[in-house]
Every structure is written in structure tokens, then in C-alpha cells.
N, C-alpha and C. Protein backbone atom coordinates (compact mmCIF):
# COMPACT_ATOMS: atom_id res chain seq x y z
N MET A 1 10.23 -11.70 -2.41
CA MET A 1 9.86 -10.72 -2.94
C MET A 1 8.48 -10.87 -3.79
N GLY A 2 7.47 -9.97 -3.54
CA GLY A 2 6.32 -9.95 -4.16
C GLY A 2 6.31 -9.67 -5.73
N GLU A 3 5.43 -9.87 -6.38
CA GLU A 3 5.13 -9.61 -7.38
C GLU A 3 5.09 -8.19 -8.17
N ARG A 4 5.67 -7.67 -8.89
CA ARG A 4 5.81 -6.23 -9.34
C ARG A 4 4.71 -6.08 -10.48
N ILE A 5 3.84 -4.99 -10.32
CA ILE A 5 2.65 -4.73 -11.35
C ILE A 5 3.10 -3.55 -11.90
N ASP A 6 2.48 -3.18 -12.99
CA ASP A 6 2.45 -1.66 -13.58
C ASP A 6 1.30 -1.07 -13.14
N HIS A 7 1.18 0.16 -13.82
CA HIS A 7 0.09 1.00 -13.39
C HIS A 7 -1.24 0.47 -13.80
N SER A 8 -1.46 -0.17 -14.86
CA SER A 8 -2.36 -0.75 -15.51
C SER A 8 -3.00 -2.13 -14.79
N GLY A 9 -2.20 -2.70 -14.19
CA GLY A 9 -2.21 -3.98 -13.19
C GLY A 9 -2.64 -3.34 -12.13
N LEU A 10 -2.26 -2.43 -11.61
CA LEU A 10 -2.67 -1.68 -10.04
C LEU A 10 -4.01 -1.42 -10.26
N ARG A 11 -4.43 -0.59 -11.31
CA ARG A 11 -5.95 -0.14 -11.71
C ARG A 11 -6.72 -1.54 -11.31
N ASP A 12 -6.32 -2.60 -12.28
CA ASP A 12 -7.15 -3.60 -12.32
C ASP A 12 -7.61 -4.35 -10.60
N LEU A 13 -6.32 -4.32 -10.10
CA LEU A 13 -6.33 -5.04 -8.84
C LEU A 13 -7.21 -3.99 -7.72
N LEU A 14 -7.02 -2.74 -8.01
CA LEU A 14 -8.01 -2.00 -7.17
C LEU A 14 -9.49 -1.93 -7.53
N ASP A 15 -9.77 -2.14 -8.83
CA ASP A 15 -11.03 -1.86 -9.15
C ASP A 15 -11.72 -3.29 -8.74
N ALA A 16 -10.97 -4.24 -8.60
CA ALA A 16 -11.33 -5.58 -8.10
C ALA A 16 -11.41 -5.62 -6.57
N GLY A 17 -11.02 -4.78 -5.98
CA GLY A 17 -11.37 -4.61 -4.28
C GLY A 17 -10.12 -4.54 -3.64
N ALA A 18 -8.85 -4.59 -4.35
CA ALA A 18 -7.60 -4.77 -3.44
C ALA A 18 -7.59 -3.41 -2.59
N GLN A 19 -6.66 -3.46 -1.63
CA GLN A 19 -6.37 -2.48 -0.79
C GLN A 19 -5.01 -1.83 -0.92
N LEU A 20 -4.75 -0.52 -0.94
CA LEU A 20 -3.40 -0.24 -1.37
C LEU A 20 -2.62 0.43 0.10
N VAL A 21 -1.71 -0.14 0.54
CA VAL A 21 -0.87 0.40 1.51
C VAL A 21 0.28 0.88 1.18
N GLU A 22 0.73 2.19 1.61
CA GLU A 22 1.94 2.53 1.24
C GLU A 22 2.57 2.55 2.60
N VAL A 23 3.86 2.17 2.40
CA VAL A 23 4.81 2.09 3.71
C VAL A 23 5.77 3.00 3.76
N LEU A 24 5.46 4.25 3.41
CA LEU A 24 6.25 5.23 3.32
C LEU A 24 6.41 5.78 4.76
N PRO A 25 7.48 6.70 5.47
CA PRO A 25 7.31 7.26 6.34
C PRO A 25 6.26 8.30 6.47
N GLU A 26 5.55 8.58 7.73
CA GLU A 26 4.46 9.39 7.61
C GLU A 26 4.41 10.83 7.02
N ASP A 27 5.69 11.53 6.90
CA ASP A 27 5.97 12.97 6.43
C ASP A 27 5.57 12.60 4.99
N ASP A 28 6.38 11.43 4.22
CA ASP A 28 6.44 11.56 3.00
C ASP A 28 5.08 11.23 2.54
N TYR A 29 4.20 10.27 3.26
CA TYR A 29 2.88 10.10 2.95
C TYR A 29 2.18 11.18 2.87
N ARG A 30 2.09 12.05 3.98
CA ARG A 30 1.37 13.44 3.89
C ARG A 30 1.52 14.24 2.75
N GLU A 31 2.81 14.31 2.24
CA GLU A 31 3.43 15.04 1.23
C GLU A 31 2.80 14.60 -0.25
N LEU A 32 2.72 13.10 -0.69
CA LEU A 32 2.50 12.75 -1.60
C LEU A 32 2.01 11.21 -1.55
N HIS A 33 1.05 11.19 -1.54
CA HIS A 33 0.35 9.63 -1.55
C HIS A 33 -0.70 9.35 -2.80
N LEU A 34 -0.77 8.16 -3.12
CA LEU A 34 -1.88 7.63 -4.11
C LEU A 34 -3.07 7.99 -3.60
N PRO A 35 -4.14 8.12 -4.31
CA PRO A 35 -5.60 8.25 -3.87
C PRO A 35 -6.02 7.14 -3.45
N GLY A 36 -6.43 7.02 -2.14
CA GLY A 36 -7.30 5.67 -1.30
C GLY A 36 -6.46 4.82 -0.78
N ALA A 37 -5.07 5.42 -0.45
CA ALA A 37 -3.84 4.47 -0.11
C ALA A 37 -4.15 4.79 1.41
N VAL A 38 -3.67 3.80 2.04
CA VAL A 38 -3.82 3.97 3.66
C VAL A 38 -2.08 3.94 3.88
N ASN A 39 -1.73 4.52 5.01
CA ASN A 39 -0.34 4.61 5.46
C ASN A 39 0.09 3.89 6.74
N ILE A 40 0.95 2.76 6.41
CA ILE A 40 1.72 2.10 7.55
C ILE A 40 2.91 1.88 7.35
N PRO A 41 3.84 2.85 8.07
CA PRO A 41 5.05 3.06 8.00
C PRO A 41 5.72 1.64 7.95
N LEU A 42 6.66 1.31 7.24
CA LEU A 42 7.58 0.05 7.17
C LEU A 42 7.92 -0.46 8.67
N LYS A 43 8.52 0.63 9.37
CA LYS A 43 9.07 0.17 10.47
C LYS A 43 7.67 -0.20 11.72
N ARG A 44 6.54 0.06 11.40
CA ARG A 44 5.32 -0.13 12.33
C ARG A 44 4.65 -1.16 11.41
N LEU A 45 5.10 -1.89 10.45
CA LEU A 45 4.15 -3.10 9.88
C LEU A 45 4.30 -4.01 10.55
N ASP A 46 3.07 -4.47 11.24
CA ASP A 46 3.10 -5.63 12.05
C ASP A 46 1.59 -6.18 12.05
N ALA A 47 1.31 -7.29 12.63
CA ALA A 47 -0.04 -7.49 12.82
C ALA A 47 -0.85 -6.59 13.71
N GLU A 48 -0.70 -6.13 14.42
CA GLU A 48 -1.48 -4.81 15.01
C GLU A 48 -1.97 -3.94 14.24
N THR A 49 -0.88 -3.20 13.52
CA THR A 49 -0.96 -2.02 12.47
C THR A 49 -1.95 -2.62 11.32
N THR A 50 -1.93 -3.90 10.80
CA THR A 50 -2.57 -4.17 9.66
C THR A 50 -3.68 -5.11 10.07
N ALA A 51 -4.22 -4.90 11.21
CA ALA A 51 -5.37 -5.67 11.68
C ALA A 51 -6.72 -5.13 11.17
N GLY A 52 -6.62 -3.89 10.79
CA GLY A 52 -7.90 -3.04 10.06
C GLY A 52 -8.12 -3.61 8.74
N LEU A 53 -7.12 -4.11 8.20
CA LEU A 53 -7.22 -4.63 6.69
C LEU A 53 -8.30 -5.48 6.46
N ASP A 54 -8.91 -5.40 5.19
CA ASP A 54 -9.81 -6.63 5.03
C ASP A 54 -9.04 -8.06 4.59
N ARG A 55 -9.08 -8.83 5.16
CA ARG A 55 -8.59 -10.16 4.88
C ARG A 55 -9.16 -10.89 3.68
N ALA A 56 -10.25 -10.49 3.42
CA ALA A 56 -10.84 -11.35 2.04
C ALA A 56 -10.39 -10.91 0.77
N ASN A 57 -9.70 -9.39 0.78
CA ASN A 57 -9.28 -8.68 -0.22
C ASN A 57 -7.80 -8.79 -0.26
N PRO A 58 -7.02 -8.80 -1.63
CA PRO A 58 -5.73 -8.71 -1.89
C PRO A 58 -5.30 -7.50 -1.23
N VAL A 59 -3.97 -7.35 -1.04
CA VAL A 59 -3.47 -6.08 -0.22
C VAL A 59 -2.23 -5.56 -1.39
N VAL A 60 -2.24 -4.53 -1.62
CA VAL A 60 -0.94 -4.15 -2.59
C VAL A 60 -0.19 -3.18 -1.65
N VAL A 61 1.08 -3.52 -1.50
CA VAL A 61 2.04 -2.66 -0.71
C VAL A 61 2.89 -1.93 -1.73
N TYR A 62 3.06 -0.37 -1.27
CA TYR A 62 3.75 0.32 -2.23
C TYR A 62 4.58 1.39 -1.38
N CYS A 63 5.99 1.12 -1.94
CA CYS A 63 6.87 2.19 -1.63
C CYS A 63 7.91 2.58 -2.55
N TRP A 64 8.26 3.79 -2.62
CA TRP A 64 9.17 4.24 -3.55
C TRP A 64 10.66 4.63 -3.11
N ASP A 65 11.52 4.66 -3.65
CA ASP A 65 13.11 5.06 -3.27
C ASP A 65 13.62 6.13 -4.11
N TYR A 66 14.60 6.64 -3.61
CA TYR A 66 15.43 7.73 -4.29
C TYR A 66 16.23 7.46 -5.41
N LEU A 67 16.43 6.19 -5.84
CA LEU A 67 17.25 5.83 -6.92
C LEU A 67 16.65 5.90 -8.19
């Protein structure tokens, strides 16, 4: 499991060039997503769908649940 970060930590990473990927289903992403985030649904997350990400910068993966 990756490192969990809070809002302040996320802002710092994004300000430093990190990319934000939301792995929500497409309908959920369209309804509500974080500004600047790209959507790659978890079930489609693979080498092909992530090929457009900048490998020189960190990637922050975000998902929410109903709990």
C-alpha cells in the first residue's frame, strides 16, 4: 500500500509537479472530481492507460469509498 497524505501534503506534491490520477468509475469522476485530476478507472489501470503520464514526476492516485 502506498503512503497516505493529507490535503496539505497533496497540495505540496501538486505544486512540485505531481500528477493526480483518480481511479473512480467514469460516471463518478464526471460527477465530482478534484481540479486537475485525470481519470483512469481502476479496472482499466494498466501500462497502456498510464502511458500518457510523465514518468519524471510523481503520481498521486486517488479514490474514495462509501465507508
